Amino acid sequence: MNKVKRKPLVAANWKMNGDRALVEVFTNALNQKCFSGLDVVLCPPFPYLSLFNAETFSIGGQDISHLKNGAHTGDVSVAMLQEMNCKYVIVGHSERREHHGETNEIVAEKAHRAVSEGLIPIICVGESLEVRKEGFVERFITEQLQAVVSVMSADILQQCVIAYEPIWAIGSGETATPEQAQEVHAFIRGFLADYDEAMASRVRIIYGGSAKPSNATELFKQTDVDGGLIGGASLNTDDFIAICQAAI
């Protein structure tokens, strides 16, 4: 596969955390930084999207509906996020899959809806500890990715971001070793290359399993790790900025 320089991306997933004060703290802290050669994204809860005055970073949503509009109580559309100046949206996070019953097919529909209407989807894939112990990591992730590639052309898919999140590492304090992360990231890129090699070389694959300042540098040194989707550490400005700087 031809070597292609991919711009790293670090995204903060605040989940159901934060408040107006934290929005102000992050806005002030990040706008004072120059993240040359790096895309930085903040994904706060929906009510806070309109409060950011982002100059050096982008804003993203934590989820969208796979439907365009209509009588769908509690759902949020692509157009609504765009009105809040969002550029990115997370789809298929393991917590959405587990707690809201999102199937591979629904996640694929959300990703397709996002990219076809102008947002950049951060598509989450990853395995549980049980799947890893049974040796089915590649098969499990293949099923997740197959649903996505079945609804997108290579031209569309190369506009997306893939986030590998080992579910067993999320919020547990456990982290995949840099070598474990690289192994799965390389597998994901190889899977995409079987679909279209040029697209696979351009798609950014970021790591989403308890990355923090102490391990970010080694994780981001890996050939196929193009940044991170940051959870707990994204709620502290110093930690998040340190992770961003590790990706540059």
C-alpha atoms as a PDB file:
ATOM      1  CA  MET A   1       0.000   0.000   0.000  1.00  0.00           C
ATOM      2  CA  ASN A   2       1.360   3.433  -0.948  1.00  0.00           C
ATOM      3  CA  LYS A   3       2.424   5.606   1.970  1.00  0.00           C
ATOM      4  CA  VAL A   4       0.000   8.526   2.381  1.00  0.00           C
ATOM      5  CA  LYS A   5       0.414  11.292   4.944  1.00  0.00           C
ATOM      6  CA  ARG A   6      -2.751  11.441   7.012  1.00  0.00           C
ATOM      7  CA  LYS A   7      -3.553  14.459   9.165  1.00  0.00           C
ATOM      8  CA  PRO A   8      -3.960  13.250  12.762  1.00  0.00           C
ATOM      9  CA  LEU A   9      -7.218  13.848  14.594  1.00  0.00           C
ATOM     10  CA  VAL A  10      -7.951  13.983  18.317  1.00  0.00           C
ATOM     11  CA  ALA A  11     -11.609  14.090  19.369  1.00  0.00           C
ATOM     12  CA  ALA A  12     -13.009  14.657  22.861  1.00  0.00           C
ATOM     13  CA  ASN A  13     -16.089  12.635  23.746  1.00  0.00           C
ATOM     14  CA  TRP A  14     -17.525  14.214  26.882  1.00  0.00           C
ATOM     15  CA  LYS A  15     -20.359  11.684  26.987  1.00  0.00           C
ATOM     16  CA  MET A  16     -23.020  12.814  29.544  1.00  0.00           C
ATOM     17  CA  ASN A  17     -20.609  15.074  31.393  1.00  0.00           C
ATOM     18  CA  GLY A  18     -19.742  18.750  31.578  1.00  0.00           C
ATOM     19  CA  ASP A  19     -21.557  22.021  32.167  1.00  0.00           C
ATOM     20  CA  ARG A  20     -21.533  25.607  30.937  1.00  0.00           C
ATOM     21  CA  ALA A  21     -18.478  26.380  33.056  1.00  0.00           C
ATOM     22  CA  LEU A  22     -16.482  23.552  31.463  1.00  0.00           C
ATOM     23  CA  VAL A  23     -17.469  24.780  28.005  1.00  0.00           C
ATOM     24  CA  GLU A  24     -16.011  28.184  28.850  1.00  0.00           C
ATOM     25  CA  VAL A  25     -12.830  26.687  30.306  1.00  0.00           C
ATOM     26  CA  PHE A  26     -12.217  24.525  27.234  1.00  0.00           C
ATOM     27  CA  THR A  27     -13.074  27.260  24.756  1.00  0.00           C
ATOM     28  CA  ASN A  28     -10.603  29.654  26.349  1.00  0.00           C
ATOM     29  CA  ALA A  29      -7.869  27.034  26.753  1.00  0.00           C
ATOM     30  CA  LEU A  30      -8.076  25.583  23.248  1.00  0.00           C
ATOM     31  CA  ASN A  31      -8.431  28.915  21.457  1.00  0.00           C
ATOM     32  CA  GLN A  32      -5.090  29.947  22.952  1.00  0.00           C
ATOM     33  CA  LYS A  33      -3.361  26.967  21.322  1.00  0.00           C
ATOM     34  CA  CYS A  34      -2.147  26.504  17.765  1.00  0.00           C
ATOM     35  CA  PHE A  35      -2.698  22.919  16.668  1.00  0.00           C
ATOM     36  CA  SER A  36      -0.775  23.067  13.413  1.00  0.00           C
ATOM     37  CA  GLY A  37      -1.088  19.851  11.441  1.00  0.00           C
ATOM     38  CA  LEU A  38      -3.785  18.434  13.726  1.00  0.00           C
ATOM     39  CA  ASP A  39      -7.583  18.325  13.658  1.00  0.00           C
ATOM     40  CA  VAL A  40      -9.045  18.816  17.149  1.00  0.00           C
ATOM     41  CA  VAL A  41     -12.723  18.071  17.770  1.00  0.00           C
ATOM     42  CA  LEU A  42     -14.897  18.542  20.867  1.00  0.00           C
ATOM     43  CA  CYS A  43     -18.067  16.457  21.157  1.00  0.00           C
ATOM     44  CA  PRO A  44     -20.040  17.726  24.187  1.00  0.00           C
ATOM     45  CA  PRO A  45     -23.636  16.862  25.129  1.00  0.00           C
ATOM     46  CA  PHE A  46     -26.173  18.351  22.712  1.00  0.00           C
ATOM     47  CA  PRO A  47     -27.341  21.252  24.959  1.00  0.00           C
ATOM     48  CA  TYR A  48     -23.848  22.774  24.976  1.00  0.00           C
ATOM     49  CA  LEU A  49     -23.101  22.709  21.247  1.00  0.00           C
ATOM     50  CA  SER A  50     -24.232  26.282  20.653  1.00  0.00           C
ATOM     51  CA  LEU A  51     -22.136  27.658  23.530  1.00  0.00           C
ATOM     52  CA  PHE A  52     -18.737  27.103  21.931  1.00  0.00           C
ATOM     53  CA  ASN A  53     -16.901  29.876  20.136  1.00  0.00           C
ATOM     54  CA  ALA A  54     -14.433  27.572  18.442  1.00  0.00           C
ATOM     55  CA  GLU A  55     -11.471  29.146  16.654  1.00  0.00           C
ATOM     56  CA  THR A  56      -8.724  26.501  16.740  1.00  0.00           C
ATOM     57  CA  PHE A  57     -10.930  23.414  16.921  1.00  0.00           C
ATOM     58  CA  SER A  58     -14.115  21.895  15.513  1.00  0.00           C
ATOM     59  CA  ILE A  59     -17.357  20.824  17.167  1.00  0.00           C
ATOM     60  CA  GLY A  60     -19.077  17.475  16.802  1.00  0.00           C
ATOM     61  CA  GLY A  61     -22.168  15.656  17.997  1.00  0.00           C
ATOM     62  CA  GLN A  62     -22.178  12.429  19.971  1.00  0.00           C
ATOM     63  CA  ASP A  63     -24.898  10.804  17.876  1.00  0.00           C
ATOM     64  CA  ILE A  64     -27.479  11.392  15.169  1.00  0.00           C
ATOM     65  CA  SER A  65     -30.606   9.722  13.932  1.00  0.00           C
ATOM     66  CA  HIS A  66     -30.353   7.573  10.831  1.00  0.00           C
ATOM     67  CA  LEU A  67     -33.557   9.303   9.717  1.00  0.00           C
ATOM     68  CA  LYS A  68     -33.824  12.716   8.082  1.00  0.00           C
ATOM     69  CA  ASN A  69     -36.610  14.201  10.242  1.00  0.00           C
ATOM     70  CA  GLY A  70     -40.093  13.479  11.533  1.00  0.00           C
ATOM     71  CA  ALA A  71     -41.905  12.145  14.596  1.00  0.00           C
ATOM     72  CA  HIS A  72     -38.891  10.667  16.373  1.00  0.00           C
ATOM     73  CA  THR A  73     -38.932  11.926  19.954  1.00  0.00           C
ATOM     74  CA  GLY A  74     -35.490  12.556  21.403  1.00  0.00           C
ATOM     75  CA  ASP A  75     -33.617  12.132  18.121  1.00  0.00           C
ATOM     76  CA  VAL A  76     -31.340  14.705  16.491  1.00  0.00           C
ATOM     77  CA  SER A  77     -30.805  15.103  12.748  1.00  0.00           C
ATOM     78  CA  VAL A  78     -27.750  15.971  10.686  1.00  0.00           C
ATOM     79  CA  ALA A  79     -29.317  19.313   9.744  1.00  0.00           C
ATOM     80  CA  MET A  80     -29.782  20.203  13.409  1.00  0.00           C
ATOM     81  CA  LEU A  81     -26.118  19.538  14.166  1.00  0.00           C
ATOM     82  CA  GLN A  82     -25.078  21.573  11.153  1.00  0.00           C
ATOM     83  CA  GLU A  83     -27.091  24.527  12.464  1.00  0.00           C
ATOM     84  CA  MET A  84     -24.947  24.265  15.616  1.00  0.00           C
ATOM     85  CA  ASN A  85     -21.823  24.524  13.407  1.00  0.00           C
ATOM     86  CA  CYS A  86     -20.907  20.879  13.874  1.00  0.00           C
ATOM     87  CA  LYS A  87     -18.439  19.370  11.429  1.00  0.00           C
ATOM     88  CA  TYR A  88     -18.185  15.864  12.913  1.00  0.00           C
ATOM     89  CA  VAL A  89     -20.441  13.317  14.587  1.00  0.00           C
ATOM     90  CA  ILE A  90     -19.710  10.117  16.499  1.00  0.00           C
ATOM     91  CA  VAL A  91     -21.722   7.078  15.394  1.00  0.00           C
ATOM     92  CA  GLY A  92     -21.766   3.539  16.721  1.00  0.00           C
ATOM     93  CA  HIS A  93     -20.063   4.142  20.053  1.00  0.00           C
ATOM     94  CA  SER A  94     -20.080   0.936  22.097  1.00  0.00           C
ATOM     95  CA  GLU A  95     -22.274   2.573  24.739  1.00  0.00           C
ATOM     96  CA  ARG A  96     -24.880   3.366  22.083  1.00  0.00           C
ATOM     97  CA  ARG A  97     -24.664  -0.161  20.703  1.00  0.00           C
ATOM     98  CA  GLU A  98     -25.039  -1.737  24.152  1.00  0.00           C
ATOM     99  CA  HIS A  99     -27.503   0.567  25.906  1.00  0.00           C
ATOM    100  CA  HIS A 100     -29.612   1.671  22.932  1.00  0.00           C
ATOM    101  CA  GLY A 101     -29.616  -1.507  20.873  1.00  0.00           C
ATOM    102  CA  GLU A 102     -27.890  -0.037  17.837  1.00  0.00           C
ATOM    103  CA  THR A 103     -27.092  -2.762  15.325  1.00  0.00           C
ATOM    104  CA  ASN A 104     -24.283  -2.762  12.782  1.00  0.00           C
ATOM    105  CA  GLU A 105     -26.864  -1.906  10.138  1.00  0.00           C
ATOM    106  CA  ILE A 106     -28.239   1.094  12.049  1.00  0.00           C
ATOM    107  CA  VAL A 107     -24.717   2.379  12.657  1.00  0.00           C
ATOM    108  CA  ALA A 108     -23.968   2.048   8.945  1.00  0.00           C
ATOM    109  CA  GLU A 109     -27.153   3.962   8.089  1.00  0.00           C
ATOM    110  CA  LYS A 110     -26.183   6.736  10.511  1.00  0.00           C
ATOM    111  CA  ALA A 111     -22.704   6.977   9.016  1.00  0.00           C
ATOM    112  CA  HIS A 112     -24.105   7.109   5.498  1.00  0.00           C
ATOM    113  CA  ARG A 113     -26.675   9.734   6.487  1.00  0.00           C
ATOM    114  CA  ALA A 114     -23.969  11.870   8.081  1.00  0.00           C
ATOM    115  CA  VAL A 115     -21.455  11.830   5.257  1.00  0.00           C
ATOM    116  CA  SER A 116     -24.041  12.164   2.492  1.00  0.00           C
ATOM    117  CA  GLU A 117     -25.435  15.302   4.173  1.00  0.00           C
ATOM    118  CA  GLY A 118     -22.096  16.940   4.892  1.00  0.00           C
ATOM    119  CA  LEU A 119     -20.874  15.767   8.303  1.00  0.00           C
ATOM    120  CA  ILE A 120     -17.756  13.697   8.926  1.00  0.00           C
ATOM    121  CA  PRO A 121     -18.754  10.558  10.834  1.00  0.00           C
ATOM    122  CA  ILE A 122     -16.407   9.057  13.401  1.00  0.00           C
ATOM    123  CA  ILE A 123     -17.459   5.417  13.068  1.00  0.00           C
ATOM    124  CA  CYS A 124     -16.721   3.346  16.169  1.00  0.00           C
ATOM    125  CA  VAL A 125     -15.848  -0.343  16.019  1.00  0.00           C
ATOM    126  CA  GLY A 126     -14.339  -2.635  18.613  1.00  0.00           C
ATOM    127  CA  GLU A 127     -14.595  -5.837  20.598  1.00  0.00           C
ATOM    128  CA  SER A 128     -15.512  -6.874  24.128  1.00  0.00           C
ATOM    129  CA  LEU A 129     -13.133  -8.705  26.447  1.00  0.00           C
ATOM    130  CA  GLU A 130     -15.091 -11.914  25.856  1.00  0.00           C
ATOM    131  CA  VAL A 131     -14.661 -11.647  22.089  1.00  0.00           C
ATOM    132  CA  ARG A 132     -10.945 -10.950  22.496  1.00  0.00           C
ATOM    133  CA  LYS A 133     -10.436 -13.910  24.832  1.00  0.00           C
ATOM    134  CA  GLU A 134     -12.226 -16.209  22.397  1.00  0.00           C
ATOM    135  CA  GLY A 135      -9.954 -15.071  19.570  1.00  0.00           C
ATOM    136  CA  PHE A 136     -12.724 -13.594  17.418  1.00  0.00           C
ATOM    137  CA  VAL A 137     -11.518  -9.975  17.242  1.00  0.00           C
ATOM    138  CA  GLU A 138     -11.016  -9.875  13.476  1.00  0.00           C
ATOM    139  CA  ARG A 139     -14.281 -11.642  12.707  1.00  0.00           C
ATOM    140  CA  PHE A 140     -16.223  -9.336  15.037  1.00  0.00           C
ATOM    141  CA  ILE A 141     -14.739  -6.146  13.597  1.00  0.00           C
ATOM    142  CA  THR A 142     -15.153  -7.452  10.048  1.00  0.00           C
ATOM    143  CA  GLU A 143     -18.904  -7.739  10.645  1.00  0.00           C
ATOM    144  CA  GLN A 144     -19.029  -4.166  11.926  1.00  0.00           C
ATOM    145  CA  LEU A 145     -17.040  -2.819   8.979  1.00  0.00           C
ATOM    146  CA  GLN A 146     -18.843  -4.923   6.388  1.00  0.00           C
ATOM    147  CA  ALA A 147     -22.117  -3.226   7.270  1.00  0.00           C
ATOM    148  CA  VAL A 148     -20.486   0.152   6.602  1.00  0.00           C
ATOM    149  CA  VAL A 149     -18.763  -0.666   3.306  1.00  0.00           C
ATOM    150  CA  SER A 150     -21.965  -2.256   2.014  1.00  0.00           C
ATOM    151  CA  VAL A 151     -23.721   1.135   1.981  1.00  0.00           C
ATOM    152  CA  MET A 152     -20.859   3.423   0.902  1.00  0.00           C
ATOM    153  CA  SER A 153     -18.696   3.856  -2.151  1.00  0.00           C
ATOM    154  CA  ALA A 154     -14.942   4.163  -1.664  1.00  0.00           C
ATOM    155  CA  ASP A 155     -15.115   7.884  -2.495  1.00  0.00           C
ATOM    156  CA  ILE A 156     -17.598   8.451   0.309  1.00  0.00           C
ATOM    157  CA  LEU A 157     -15.884   6.147   2.773  1.00  0.00           C
ATOM    158  CA  GLN A 158     -12.553   7.931   2.500  1.00  0.00           C
ATOM    159  CA  GLN A 159     -14.230  11.015   3.985  1.00  0.00           C
ATOM    160  CA  CYS A 160     -15.030   9.089   7.179  1.00  0.00           C
ATOM    161  CA  VAL A 161     -12.980   8.451  10.309  1.00  0.00           C
ATOM    162  CA  ILE A 162     -12.815   5.010  11.926  1.00  0.00           C
ATOM    163  CA  ALA A 163     -12.364   4.817  15.709  1.00  0.00           C
ATOM    164  CA  TYR A 164     -11.135   1.535  17.143  1.00  0.00           C
ATOM    165  CA  GLU A 165     -12.412   1.258  20.698  1.00  0.00           C
ATOM    166  CA  PRO A 166     -11.524  -1.939  22.543  1.00  0.00           C
ATOM    167  CA  ILE A 167     -14.621  -2.083  24.726  1.00  0.00           C
ATOM    168  CA  TRP A 168     -12.719  -3.815  27.509  1.00  0.00           C
ATOM    169  CA  ALA A 169     -10.498  -0.728  27.857  1.00  0.00           C
ATOM    170  CA  ILE A 170     -13.190   1.964  27.954  1.00  0.00           C
ATOM    171  CA  GLY A 171     -13.498   3.577  31.358  1.00  0.00           C
ATOM    172  CA  SER A 172     -11.715   0.637  32.969  1.00  0.00           C
ATOM    173  CA  GLY A 173      -8.297   2.184  33.284  1.00  0.00           C
ATOM    174  CA  GLU A 174      -7.041  -0.624  31.059  1.00  0.00           C
ATOM    175  CA  THR A 175      -5.443   0.308  27.763  1.00  0.00           C
ATOM    176  CA  ALA A 176      -4.464  -1.748  24.772  1.00  0.00           C
ATOM    177  CA  THR A 177      -0.710  -1.778  24.397  1.00  0.00           C
ATOM    178  CA  PRO A 178       0.603   0.236  21.447  1.00  0.00           C
ATOM    179  CA  GLU A 179       1.336  -3.080  19.741  1.00  0.00           C
ATOM    180  CA  GLN A 180      -2.205  -4.373  20.320  1.00  0.00           C
ATOM    181  CA  ALA A 181      -3.656  -1.134  18.988  1.00  0.00           C
ATOM    182  CA  GLN A 182      -1.431  -1.209  15.910  1.00  0.00           C
ATOM    183  CA  GLU A 183      -2.343  -4.827  15.219  1.00  0.00           C
ATOM    184  CA  VAL A 184      -6.055  -4.059  15.059  1.00  0.00           C
ATOM    185  CA  HIS A 185      -5.598  -0.737  13.246  1.00  0.00           C
ATOM    186  CA  ALA A 186      -3.499  -2.522  10.615  1.00  0.00           C
ATOM    187  CA  PHE A 187      -6.198  -5.169  10.279  1.00  0.00           C
ATOM    188  CA  ILE A 188      -8.846  -2.478   9.765  1.00  0.00           C
ATOM    189  CA  ARG A 189      -6.750  -0.759   7.114  1.00  0.00           C
ATOM    190  CA  GLY A 190      -6.102  -4.089   5.441  1.00  0.00           C
ATOM    191  CA  PHE A 191      -9.821  -4.855   5.379  1.00  0.00           C
ATOM    192  CA  LEU A 192     -10.502  -1.487   3.765  1.00  0.00           C
ATOM    193  CA  ALA A 193      -7.653  -2.045   1.285  1.00  0.00           C
ATOM    194  CA  ASP A 194      -9.369  -5.189   0.040  1.00  0.00           C
ATOM    195  CA  TYR A 195     -12.295  -2.918  -0.800  1.00  0.00           C
ATOM    196  CA  ASP A 196     -10.210  -0.058  -2.255  1.00  0.00           C
ATOM    197  CA  GLU A 197      -6.492   0.424  -1.597  1.00  0.00           C
ATOM    198  CA  ALA A 198      -6.368   4.155  -2.313  1.00  0.00           C
ATOM    199  CA  MET A 199      -9.273   4.803   0.025  1.00  0.00           C
ATOM    200  CA  ALA A 200      -7.723   2.665   2.764  1.00  0.00           C
ATOM    201  CA  SER A 201      -4.492   4.631   2.642  1.00  0.00           C
ATOM    202  CA  ARG A 202      -6.396   7.892   3.223  1.00  0.00           C
ATOM    203  CA  VAL A 203      -8.909   6.924   5.906  1.00  0.00           C
ATOM    204  CA  ARG A 204      -7.916   8.040   9.387  1.00  0.00           C
ATOM    205  CA  ILE A 205      -8.128   5.318  12.024  1.00  0.00           C
ATOM    206  CA  ILE A 206      -8.015   6.673  15.570  1.00  0.00           C
ATOM    207  CA  TYR A 207      -7.724   4.868  18.903  1.00  0.00           C
ATOM    208  CA  GLY A 208     -10.500   5.084  21.488  1.00  0.00           C
ATOM    209  CA  GLY A 209      -9.624   3.043  24.554  1.00  0.00           C
ATOM    210  CA  SER A 210      -8.579   5.017  27.657  1.00  0.00           C
ATOM    211  CA  ALA A 211      -5.850   7.044  25.983  1.00  0.00           C
ATOM    212  CA  LYS A 212      -4.217   9.505  28.364  1.00  0.00           C
ATOM    213  CA  PRO A 213      -1.133  11.742  28.491  1.00  0.00           C
ATOM    214  CA  SER A 214       1.041   8.939  29.844  1.00  0.00           C
ATOM    215  CA  ASN A 215       0.436   6.588  26.905  1.00  0.00           C
ATOM    216  CA  ALA A 216      -0.628   8.859  24.046  1.00  0.00           C
ATOM    217  CA  THR A 217       2.835   9.425  22.587  1.00  0.00           C
ATOM    218  CA  GLU A 218       3.581   5.710  22.197  1.00  0.00           C
ATOM    219  CA  LEU A 219       0.106   4.988  20.834  1.00  0.00           C
ATOM    220  CA  PHE A 220       0.316   7.766  18.264  1.00  0.00           C
ATOM    221  CA  LYS A 221       3.747   6.611  17.083  1.00  0.00           C
ATOM    222  CA  GLN A 222       2.180   3.485  15.617  1.00  0.00           C
ATOM    223  CA  THR A 223       2.024   3.399  11.824  1.00  0.00           C
ATOM    224  CA  ASP A 224      -1.741   3.007  11.538  1.00  0.00           C
ATOM    225  CA  VAL A 225      -2.844   5.011  14.591  1.00  0.00           C
ATOM    226  CA  ASP A 226      -3.908   8.442  13.338  1.00  0.00           C
ATOM    227  CA  GLY A 227      -5.020  10.015  16.606  1.00  0.00           C
ATOM    228  CA  GLY A 228      -7.511   9.326  19.353  1.00  0.00           C
ATOM    229  CA  LEU A 229     -11.126   9.439  20.496  1.00  0.00           C
ATOM    230  CA  ILE A 230     -10.692  10.550  24.094  1.00  0.00           C
ATOM    231  CA  GLY A 231     -13.192   9.909  26.888  1.00  0.00           C
ATOM    232  CA  GLY A 232     -12.363  10.553  30.540  1.00  0.00           C
ATOM    233  CA  ALA A 233      -9.143  12.447  29.857  1.00  0.00           C
ATOM    234  CA  SER A 234     -11.041  14.888  27.633  1.00  0.00           C
ATOM    235  CA  LEU A 235     -12.741  16.448  30.666  1.00  0.00           C
ATOM    236  CA  ASN A 236      -9.484  17.974  31.893  1.00  0.00           C
ATOM    237  CA  THR A 237      -7.972  20.734  29.771  1.00  0.00           C
ATOM    238  CA  ASP A 238      -4.367  20.001  30.695  1.00  0.00           C
ATOM    239  CA  ASP A 239      -4.743  16.284  29.969  1.00  0.00           C
ATOM    240  CA  PHE A 240      -6.580  16.835  26.706  1.00  0.00           C
ATOM    241  CA  ILE A 241      -4.110  19.430  25.441  1.00  0.00           C
ATOM    242  CA  ALA A 242      -1.217  17.118  26.351  1.00  0.00           C
ATOM    243  CA  ILE A 243      -2.830  14.336  24.318  1.00  0.00           C
ATOM    244  CA  CYS A 244      -3.336  16.707  21.387  1.00  0.00           C
ATOM    245  CA  GLN A 245       0.302  17.760  21.506  1.00  0.00           C
ATOM    246  CA  ALA A 246       1.367  14.105  21.528  1.00  0.00           C
ATOM    247  CA  ALA A 247      -0.410  13.646  18.201  1.00  0.00           C
ATOM    248  CA  ILE A 248       1.410  16.455  16.396  1.00  0.00           C
END
